[in-house]
Amino acid sequence: MSPAREAAASEDATFSEVRLRGRLSGATRVELPSGDEAVAFRIVVDRPSRQRGPAGRVRVDALECVAWTAAARRRLLAWDDGDVVEVEGWLQRRFWKSGSAPASRTEVVVRDVRRAA
C-alpha cells in the first residue's frame, strides 16, 4: 500500500456509512418522553436476483430507519408508502430493557433523505 493510501486508510480506519434506495414504508411520527420527535420508517429493498425465491419471486429486506432532523421528518411524513426514496446515514445499535430482559435494535440513522427521480 502506498504511503498516501495508508494515511487515508488510517484516517478512516473505522466508520459507518449507509446509502439505500428503496420503497418507503410505514413512516410514523414518534414522540419520546424527553419531548424529542423522530420519524421511524422502513425502507424496503429488493435482494439481488441471485437470491430470488421459488419461481423467481423477488425477496426483499425491510430495513428500520429513524430520522431526527426537522427537514427529514417533514419530507417523510409528506410522502406516501411505496414512494422510492434514497437515504443516506449511518448504522446505530440501541440498547434498552424490555421488562427485565435486555433488548436491542440496529437501525439506519438518517442524515439525508430525498425522493428518487
Protein backbone atom coordinates (compact mmCIF):
# COMPACT_ATOMS: atom_id res chain seq x y z
CA MET A 1 0.00 0.00 0.00
CA SER A 2 1.34 3.44 -0.90
CA PRO A 3 2.09 5.90 1.93
CA ALA A 4 -0.72 8.20 0.71
CA ARG A 5 -3.27 5.35 0.71
CA GLU A 6 -2.07 4.13 4.09
CA ALA A 7 -2.50 7.62 5.56
CA ALA A 8 -6.01 7.89 4.08
CA ALA A 9 -6.92 4.43 5.39
CA SER A 10 -5.71 5.26 8.89
CA GLU A 11 -7.79 8.45 8.97
CA ASP A 12 -10.92 6.45 8.08
CA ALA A 13 -9.95 3.30 9.96
CA THR A 14 -13.48 2.81 11.21
CA PHE A 15 -16.71 4.39 10.06
CA SER A 16 -20.33 3.61 9.41
CA GLU A 17 -21.89 4.93 6.24
CA VAL A 18 -25.08 3.70 4.60
CA ARG A 19 -26.72 4.59 1.30
CA LEU A 20 -30.02 2.92 0.42
CA ARG A 21 -32.57 3.24 -2.38
CA GLY A 22 -35.91 1.56 -1.87
CA ARG A 23 -39.61 1.91 -1.19
CA LEU A 24 -40.83 3.92 1.79
CA SER A 25 -43.00 2.02 4.25
CA GLY A 26 -44.74 2.92 7.49
CA ALA A 27 -43.44 6.41 8.25
CA THR A 28 -44.69 7.22 11.75
CA ARG A 29 -44.09 10.22 14.00
CA VAL A 30 -42.65 9.19 17.37
CA GLU A 31 -42.55 11.44 20.43
CA LEU A 32 -40.11 10.43 23.14
CA PRO A 33 -40.67 11.07 26.87
CA SER A 34 -37.97 13.77 26.59
CA GLY A 35 -40.17 15.65 24.11
CA ASP A 36 -37.85 14.95 21.19
CA GLU A 37 -39.54 13.91 17.96
CA ALA A 38 -38.42 11.46 15.31
CA VAL A 39 -39.93 9.68 12.34
CA ALA A 40 -39.49 5.92 12.31
CA PHE A 41 -39.93 4.12 8.99
CA ARG A 42 -38.77 1.20 6.91
CA ILE A 43 -37.12 1.21 3.54
CA VAL A 44 -37.91 -1.90 1.50
CA VAL A 45 -35.14 -3.05 -0.83
CA ASP A 46 -35.10 -5.94 -3.27
CA ARG A 47 -32.43 -8.59 -2.78
CA PRO A 48 -30.08 -9.30 -5.69
CA SER A 49 -31.55 -11.50 -8.45
CA ARG A 50 -29.31 -14.43 -7.44
CA GLN A 51 -31.23 -14.55 -4.13
CA ARG A 52 -34.66 -14.91 -5.73
CA GLY A 53 -37.09 -17.27 -4.14
CA PRO A 54 -39.09 -20.14 -5.63
CA ALA A 55 -40.48 -19.44 -9.11
CA GLY A 56 -38.26 -16.35 -9.38
CA ARG A 57 -40.12 -14.41 -6.68
CA VAL A 58 -38.29 -11.29 -5.60
CA ARG A 59 -37.20 -11.37 -1.97
CA VAL A 60 -36.99 -8.13 -0.03
CA ASP A 61 -35.48 -6.74 3.12
CA ALA A 62 -37.31 -4.13 5.21
CA LEU A 63 -34.66 -2.03 6.97
CA GLU A 64 -35.53 0.03 10.05
CA CYS A 65 -34.66 3.74 9.82
CA VAL A 66 -35.08 6.80 12.03
CA ALA A 67 -34.97 10.49 11.09
CA TRP A 68 -34.33 13.13 13.74
CA THR A 69 -33.93 16.37 11.76
CA ALA A 70 -36.99 18.54 11.19
CA ALA A 71 -36.44 18.70 7.41
CA ALA A 72 -36.19 14.92 7.03
CA ARG A 73 -39.22 14.37 9.30
CA ARG A 74 -41.36 16.79 7.25
CA ARG A 75 -40.37 15.17 3.95
CA LEU A 76 -41.01 11.62 5.14
CA LEU A 77 -44.44 12.42 6.56
CA ALA A 78 -45.48 14.16 3.31
CA TRP A 79 -44.61 11.17 1.12
CA ASP A 80 -46.67 8.02 0.54
CA ASP A 81 -45.92 4.38 1.24
CA GLY A 82 -44.34 2.91 -1.87
CA ASP A 83 -42.57 6.11 -2.95
CA VAL A 84 -39.00 5.35 -3.98
CA VAL A 85 -36.57 7.20 -1.75
CA GLU A 86 -32.83 7.49 -1.28
CA VAL A 87 -31.48 7.50 2.26
CA GLU A 88 -28.00 8.40 3.47
CA GLY A 89 -26.90 7.93 7.05
CA TRP A 90 -25.14 5.54 9.39
CA LEU A 91 -25.88 2.38 11.35
CA GLN A 92 -26.58 2.57 15.04
CA ARG A 93 -27.41 -0.12 17.57
CA ARG A 94 -29.55 0.94 20.50
CA PHE A 95 -29.92 -1.00 23.75
CA TRP A 96 -32.68 -0.83 26.37
CA LYS A 97 -34.53 -3.01 28.84
CA SER A 98 -37.86 -4.52 27.90
CA GLY A 99 -39.26 -5.51 31.26
CA SER A 100 -36.29 -7.26 32.84
CA ALA A 101 -34.83 -8.54 29.57
CA PRO A 102 -32.25 -6.60 27.55
CA ALA A 103 -33.31 -5.63 24.03
CA SER A 104 -31.56 -4.01 21.09
CA ARG A 105 -32.23 -2.78 17.57
CA THR A 106 -29.93 -1.90 14.72
CA GLU A 107 -31.26 0.92 12.57
CA VAL A 108 -30.18 3.44 9.97
CA VAL A 109 -29.96 6.97 11.38
CA VAL A 110 -30.89 9.29 8.53
CA ARG A 111 -28.57 12.16 7.61
CA ASP A 112 -30.42 12.95 4.35
CA VAL A 113 -33.47 11.59 2.53
CA ARG A 114 -34.88 12.51 -0.85
CA ARG A 115 -37.39 11.12 -3.29
CA ALA A 116 -35.72 9.29 -6.16
CA ALA A 117 -36.21 10.72 -9.62
